[in-house]
């Protein structure tokens, strides 16, 4: 700085002795401007140095949190990239909208046609749903009537067999069917296929209660315990034969008492469907039984289901 001022003085002296007043004034103005610029440059330098110091401190602070800041920057960059992509897509879409108004008009017309088609399909679907709902309601009504009919039949059978002991027979409704379980002691002697007179009386009363029901099917199932038959013959070799022959004997009595033969079916289950433990005497007694299962005619239901 001192050298620069000294040079200025020397130059001033030279100028004073060798140049005109105008040139001197111009040079002095230029000198003053240079000194002003120098002062401004020094101020800017000091400001810049202060800014550098602040940046250095900020850099040190940023370095202390490099991992977090790096992750933040990466996330920010990803978000920025997504925003840019979205912006580009929106801009492209906007430009397409501007440049393809005719196409949009055609597309709108196509959309309207599709909407009309969808409306027609929805109307057809609604009609189908209404029809299905109607059929479901019809099925529910039929089932309700069937349940009422089954309960009424159960009550009728129970009333017809009131004079028999509970341990001889039971009447119950299960799964929409009437189950009549008749114990062996009511119907047969041990190992016999001939129905006792008391059993014949019970079966006749049962036939009287159901013979006018033309919309039922009757299944007669014979059941035994697991004790082998004591007396075998060419017609009866095991418990399976015994259960079949007993079911057949009962069917004959029912049909002779007025039950239509095309409504009744017989089956022998042998020892294979026990309801109690065959290891106990009481369990074996319960297993030696005949079950008469009365099922309502479900043709009406099947017709509705087949029409779906």
Protein backbone atom coordinates (compact mmCIF):
# COMPACT_ATOMS: atom_id res chain seq x y z
CA UNK A 1 0.00 0.00 0.00
CA UNK A 2 2.82 2.42 0.93
CA UNK A 3 4.64 1.64 -2.34
CA UNK A 4 1.49 2.36 -4.29
CA UNK A 5 1.00 5.76 -2.53
CA UNK A 6 4.67 6.70 -3.06
CA UNK A 7 4.39 5.81 -6.75
CA UNK A 8 1.33 8.01 -6.89
CA UNK A 9 3.25 10.97 -5.39
CA UNK A 10 6.12 10.52 -7.85
CA UNK A 11 3.69 10.29 -10.71
CA UNK A 12 1.95 13.40 -9.43
CA UNK A 13 5.22 15.29 -9.39
CA UNK A 14 6.08 14.18 -12.89
CA UNK A 15 2.69 15.08 -14.11
CA UNK A 16 2.82 18.49 -12.43
CA UNK A 17 6.05 19.32 -14.16
CA UNK A 18 5.43 17.82 -17.61
CA UNK A 19 1.69 17.77 -18.47
CA UNK A 20 -1.13 20.22 -18.89
CA UNK A 21 -3.66 21.01 -16.20
CA UNK A 22 -6.42 19.03 -17.98
CA UNK A 23 -4.38 15.87 -18.26
CA UNK A 24 -3.33 16.33 -14.71
CA UNK A 25 -6.94 16.55 -13.58
CA UNK A 26 -7.83 13.46 -15.58
CA UNK A 27 -4.99 11.49 -14.09
CA UNK A 28 -5.92 12.65 -10.60
CA UNK A 29 -9.52 11.52 -11.15
CA UNK A 30 -8.30 8.18 -12.38
CA UNK A 31 -6.00 7.92 -9.38
CA UNK A 32 -8.82 8.68 -7.00
CA UNK A 33 -11.04 6.11 -8.75
CA UNK A 34 -8.27 3.52 -8.50
CA UNK A 35 -7.83 4.20 -4.81
CA UNK A 36 -11.60 3.90 -4.32
CA UNK A 37 -11.64 0.61 -6.25
CA UNK A 38 -8.72 -0.59 -4.16
CA UNK A 39 -10.57 0.24 -0.97
CA UNK A 40 -13.71 -1.52 -2.25
CA UNK A 41 -11.62 -4.50 -3.29
CA UNK A 42 -10.10 -4.67 0.17
CA UNK A 43 -13.59 -4.54 1.71
CA UNK A 44 -14.79 -7.24 -0.67
CA UNK A 45 -11.74 -9.32 0.14
CA UNK A 46 -12.40 -9.01 3.85
CA UNK A 47 -16.09 -9.87 3.31
CA UNK A 48 -15.10 -12.83 1.15
CA UNK A 49 -12.63 -14.02 3.77
CA UNK A 50 -15.34 -13.76 6.42
CA UNK A 51 -17.68 -15.70 4.12
CA UNK A 52 -15.01 -18.34 3.57
CA UNK A 53 -14.64 -18.69 7.31
CA UNK A 54 -18.35 -19.09 7.72
CA UNK A 55 -18.41 -21.67 4.92
CA UNK A 56 -15.52 -23.53 6.54
CA UNK A 57 -17.40 -23.70 9.83
CA UNK A 58 -20.59 -24.75 8.06
CA UNK A 59 -18.64 -27.42 6.18
CA UNK A 60 -17.26 -28.74 9.44
CA UNK A 61 -20.77 -28.81 10.91
CA UNK A 62 -22.10 -30.61 7.86
CA UNK A 63 -19.29 -33.15 7.98
CA UNK A 64 -20.28 -34.08 11.54
CA UNK A 65 -23.65 -35.27 10.24
CA UNK A 66 -22.59 -36.73 6.93
CA UNK A 67 -24.57 -39.99 7.17
CA UNK A 68 -27.88 -38.36 8.04
CA UNK A 69 -27.35 -35.53 5.60
CA UNK A 70 -26.33 -37.96 2.87
CA UNK A 71 -29.49 -40.02 3.39
CA UNK A 72 -31.55 -36.84 3.45
CA UNK A 73 -29.90 -35.71 0.22
CA UNK A 74 -30.48 -39.11 -1.41
CA UNK A 75 -34.13 -39.06 -0.38
CA UNK A 76 -34.43 -35.49 -1.54
CA UNK A 77 -32.84 -36.41 -4.85
CA UNK A 78 -35.18 -39.38 -5.28
CA UNK A 79 -38.15 -37.22 -4.42
CA UNK A 80 -36.90 -34.55 -6.80
CA UNK A 81 -36.47 -37.16 -9.53
CA UNK A 82 -40.00 -38.43 -8.91
CA UNK A 83 -41.36 -34.89 -8.97
CA UNK A 84 -39.49 -34.20 -12.17
CA UNK A 85 -40.82 -37.39 -13.70
CA UNK A 86 -44.33 -36.53 -12.58
CA UNK A 87 -43.89 -33.01 -13.86
CA UNK A 88 -42.68 -34.35 -17.22
CA UNK A 89 -45.65 -36.73 -17.40
CA UNK A 90 -48.10 -33.98 -16.53
CA UNK A 91 -46.48 -31.65 -19.01
CA UNK A 92 -46.64 -34.33 -21.71
CA UNK A 93 -50.25 -35.05 -20.84
CA UNK A 94 -51.07 -31.36 -20.87
CA UNK A 95 -49.40 -30.90 -24.23
CA UNK A 96 -51.24 -33.89 -25.59
CA UNK A 97 -54.49 -32.41 -24.36
CA UNK A 98 -53.69 -29.14 -26.06
CA UNK A 99 -52.49 -30.72 -29.29
CA UNK A 100 -55.09 -33.45 -29.62
CA UNK A 101 -58.43 -31.85 -28.90
CA UNK A 102 -59.91 -33.68 -31.85
CA UNK A 103 -58.71 -37.01 -30.52
CA UNK A 104 -60.11 -36.14 -27.10
CA UNK A 105 -63.47 -35.47 -28.68
CA UNK A 106 -63.41 -38.88 -30.33
CA UNK A 107 -62.25 -40.48 -27.10
CA UNK A 108 -65.07 -38.78 -25.25
CA UNK A 109 -67.56 -40.16 -27.72
CA UNK A 110 -66.08 -43.63 -27.28
CA UNK A 111 -66.21 -43.23 -23.52
CA UNK A 112 -69.85 -42.28 -23.77
CA UNK A 113 -70.54 -45.36 -25.87
CA UNK A 114 -68.73 -47.53 -23.35
CA UNK A 115 -70.68 -45.93 -20.54
CA UNK A 116 -73.93 -46.65 -22.33
CA UNK A 117 -72.82 -50.24 -22.84
CA UNK A 118 -71.86 -50.50 -19.18
CA UNK A 119 -75.23 -49.07 -18.22
CA UNK A 120 -76.98 -51.73 -20.30
CA UNK A 121 -74.80 -54.44 -18.74
CA UNK A 122 -75.55 -53.10 -15.27
CA UNK A 123 -79.25 -53.15 -16.02
CA UNK A 124 -79.00 -56.76 -17.21
CA UNK A 125 -76.96 -57.65 -14.11
CA UNK A 126 -79.54 -55.94 -11.90
CA UNK A 127 -82.31 -57.96 -13.54
CA UNK A 128 -80.31 -61.17 -13.04
CA UNK A 129 -79.73 -60.27 -9.40
CA UNK A 130 -83.41 -59.52 -8.93
CA UNK A 131 -84.28 -62.87 -10.47
CA UNK A 132 -81.73 -64.67 -8.32
CA UNK A 133 -83.01 -62.88 -5.23
CA UNK A 134 -86.52 -63.93 -6.15
CA UNK A 135 -85.41 -67.55 -6.50
CA UNK A 136 -83.49 -67.41 -3.22
CA UNK A 137 -86.59 -66.05 -1.51
CA UNK A 138 -88.62 -68.79 -3.15
CA UNK A 139 -86.16 -71.40 -1.90
CA UNK A 140 -86.28 -69.95 1.60
CA UNK A 141 -90.07 -70.01 1.54
CA UNK A 142 -90.09 -73.62 0.37
CA UNK A 143 -87.55 -74.60 3.02
CA UNK A 144 -89.60 -72.86 5.67
CA UNK A 145 -92.69 -74.75 4.54
CA UNK A 146 -90.71 -78.00 4.50
CA UNK A 147 -89.43 -77.33 8.02
CA UNK A 148 -92.97 -76.63 9.20
CA UNK A 149 -94.20 -79.79 7.48
CA UNK A 150 -91.40 -81.89 9.00
CA UNK A 151 -92.10 -80.49 12.47
CA UNK A 152 -95.82 -81.14 12.05
CA UNK A 153 -95.07 -84.71 10.90
CA UNK A 154 -92.76 -85.22 13.87
CA UNK A 155 -95.51 -84.03 16.21
CA UNK A 156 -98.02 -86.33 14.51
CA UNK A 157 -95.71 -89.34 14.82
CA UNK A 158 -94.90 -88.50 18.44
CA UNK A 159 -98.59 -88.29 19.21
CA UNK A 160 -99.25 -91.63 17.51
CA UNK A 161 -96.52 -93.37 19.55
CA UNK A 162 -97.17 -91.79 22.95
CA UNK A 163 -98.12 -95.12 24.52
CA UNK A 164 -94.59 -96.48 24.06
CA UNK A 165 -91.77 -96.01 26.51
CA UNK A 166 -89.00 -93.49 25.84
CA UNK A 167 -86.34 -96.17 26.10
CA UNK A 168 -88.18 -98.19 23.44
CA UNK A 169 -88.30 -95.44 20.82
CA UNK A 170 -87.44 -91.78 20.27
CA UNK A 171 -88.62 -89.29 17.66
CA UNK A 172 -86.44 -86.31 16.72
CA UNK A 173 -85.84 -83.84 13.90
CA UNK A 174 -82.30 -83.61 12.55
CA UNK A 175 -81.11 -81.87 9.39
CA UNK A 176 -84.65 -81.39 8.14
CA UNK A 177 -85.54 -85.07 8.58
CA UNK A 178 -87.59 -87.01 11.11
CA UNK A 179 -85.58 -89.75 12.83
CA UNK A 180 -87.47 -92.55 14.59
CA UNK A 181 -85.15 -94.82 16.55
CA UNK A 182 -86.69 -98.10 17.73
CA UNK A 183 -84.81 -100.22 20.25
CA UNK A 184 -84.29 -103.92 19.67
CA UNK A 185 -86.36 -104.90 22.72
CA UNK A 186 -89.41 -103.23 21.16
CA UNK A 187 -89.17 -105.12 17.87
CA UNK A 188 -87.13 -108.32 18.04
CA UNK A 189 -85.94 -111.06 20.27
CA UNK A 190 -82.15 -111.52 20.33
CA UNK A 191 -80.90 -112.72 16.94
CA UNK A 192 -84.43 -112.85 15.47
CA UNK A 193 -85.75 -111.18 12.33
CA UNK A 194 -89.41 -111.64 13.26
CA UNK A 195 -91.07 -108.52 14.71
CA UNK A 196 -92.77 -109.01 18.09
CA UNK A 197 -96.46 -108.20 18.48
CA UNK A 198 -95.64 -105.06 20.46
CA UNK A 199 -93.33 -103.95 17.68
CA UNK A 200 -95.97 -104.72 15.04
CA UNK A 201 -98.41 -102.52 16.94
CA UNK A 202 -95.90 -99.64 17.03
CA UNK A 203 -95.17 -99.97 13.32
CA UNK A 204 -98.85 -100.06 12.44
CA UNK A 205 -99.46 -96.88 14.40
CA UNK A 206 -96.50 -95.29 12.65
CA UNK A 207 -97.88 -96.36 9.26
CA UNK A 208 -101.26 -94.83 10.13
CA UNK A 209 -99.52 -91.52 10.92
CA UNK A 210 -97.51 -91.32 7.68
CA UNK A 211 -99.36 -93.31 4.99
CA UNK A 212 -101.28 -90.26 3.75
CA UNK A 213 -98.06 -88.22 3.37
CA UNK A 214 -97.34 -88.58 -0.35
CA UNK A 215 -94.45 -86.10 -0.39
CA UNK A 216 -92.07 -88.06 1.86
CA UNK A 217 -89.51 -90.82 1.46
CA UNK A 218 -88.93 -93.42 4.18
CA UNK A 219 -85.57 -95.14 4.77
CA UNK A 220 -85.52 -98.13 7.13
CA UNK A 221 -82.02 -98.87 8.49
CA UNK A 222 -81.17 -101.94 10.57
CA UNK A 223 -78.29 -101.65 13.07
CA UNK A 224 -76.59 -104.20 15.34
CA UNK A 225 -73.84 -104.31 17.94
CA UNK A 226 -70.49 -105.93 17.18
CA UNK A 227 -71.27 -109.29 18.82
CA UNK A 228 -71.32 -111.99 16.09
CA UNK A 229 -74.65 -113.70 15.48
CA UNK A 230 -74.93 -116.90 17.48
CA UNK A 231 -77.02 -118.83 14.97
CA UNK A 232 -76.06 -118.66 11.30
CA UNK A 233 -77.86 -120.06 8.29
CA UNK A 234 -77.69 -119.90 4.53
CA UNK A 235 -79.71 -116.67 4.73
CA UNK A 236 -77.93 -115.06 7.67
CA UNK A 237 -74.20 -115.34 8.12
CA UNK A 238 -73.35 -112.20 10.07
CA UNK A 239 -74.64 -108.97 11.58
CA UNK A 240 -74.92 -107.37 8.18
CA UNK A 241 -77.38 -110.01 7.05
CA UNK A 242 -79.22 -109.69 10.34
CA UNK A 243 -79.62 -105.91 9.93
CA UNK A 244 -80.84 -106.28 6.33
CA UNK A 245 -83.40 -108.95 7.19
CA UNK A 246 -84.72 -106.92 10.12
CA UNK A 247 -85.11 -103.84 7.90
CA UNK A 248 -86.96 -105.97 5.35
CA UNK A 249 -89.32 -107.35 8.02
CA UNK A 250 -90.20 -103.83 9.15
CA UNK A 251 -90.77 -102.65 5.58
CA UNK A 252 -93.25 -105.46 5.00
CA UNK A 253 -95.28 -104.46 8.06
CA UNK A 254 -95.28 -100.79 7.03
CA UNK A 255 -96.36 -101.51 3.45
CA UNK A 256 -99.01 -104.00 4.62
CA UNK A 257 -100.28 -101.23 6.90
CA UNK A 258 -100.81 -98.79 4.04
CA UNK A 259 -97.44 -97.14 3.32
CA UNK A 260 -96.78 -97.02 -0.43
CA UNK A 261 -93.95 -99.35 -1.44
CA UNK A 262 -92.48 -96.76 -3.81
CA UNK A 263 -91.93 -94.42 -0.86
CA UNK A 264 -89.87 -96.79 1.23
CA UNK A 265 -86.32 -98.17 1.03
CA UNK A 266 -84.48 -100.65 3.24
CA UNK A 267 -80.81 -100.76 4.23
CA UNK A 268 -78.70 -102.90 6.53
CA UNK A 269 -75.92 -101.07 8.35
CA UNK A 270 -74.73 -103.98 10.45
CA UNK A 271 -72.39 -103.03 13.28
CA UNK A 272 -70.71 -100.20 11.40
CA UNK A 273 -72.72 -97.17 12.60
CA UNK A 274 -72.73 -97.43 16.41
CA UNK A 275 -74.18 -94.65 18.54
CA UNK A 276 -72.56 -95.89 21.77
CA UNK A 277 -69.55 -97.86 23.03
CA UNK A 278 -69.80 -101.56 22.16
CA UNK A 279 -67.48 -102.36 25.07
CA UNK A 280 -70.31 -101.64 27.52
CA UNK A 281 -73.56 -103.64 27.83
CA UNK A 282 -75.65 -100.48 27.82
CA UNK A 283 -73.81 -99.25 24.72
CA UNK A 284 -74.39 -102.52 22.87
CA UNK A 285 -78.08 -102.33 23.73
CA UNK A 286 -78.32 -98.82 22.25
CA UNK A 287 -76.54 -99.96 19.09
CA UNK A 288 -79.07 -102.77 18.50
CA UNK A 289 -81.72 -100.58 16.95
CA UNK A 290 -83.74 -99.77 13.86
CA UNK A 291 -83.83 -96.23 12.52
CA UNK A 292 -86.67 -95.05 10.33
CA UNK A 293 -85.68 -91.83 8.58
CA UNK A 294 -88.42 -89.78 6.94
CA UNK A 295 -87.24 -87.22 4.38
CA UNK A 296 -89.52 -84.63 2.74
CA UNK A 297 -89.74 -84.63 -1.04
CA UNK A 298 -87.21 -82.07 -2.29
CA UNK A 299 -88.11 -82.19 -5.99
CA UNK A 300 -89.52 -78.69 -5.83
CA UNK A 301 -86.25 -77.40 -4.43
CA UNK A 302 -84.18 -79.27 -7.02
CA UNK A 303 -86.27 -77.83 -9.86
CA UNK A 304 -85.57 -74.31 -8.62
CA UNK A 305 -81.86 -75.05 -8.21
CA UNK A 306 -81.63 -76.56 -11.71
CA UNK A 307 -83.27 -73.48 -13.19
CA UNK A 308 -80.50 -71.20 -11.81
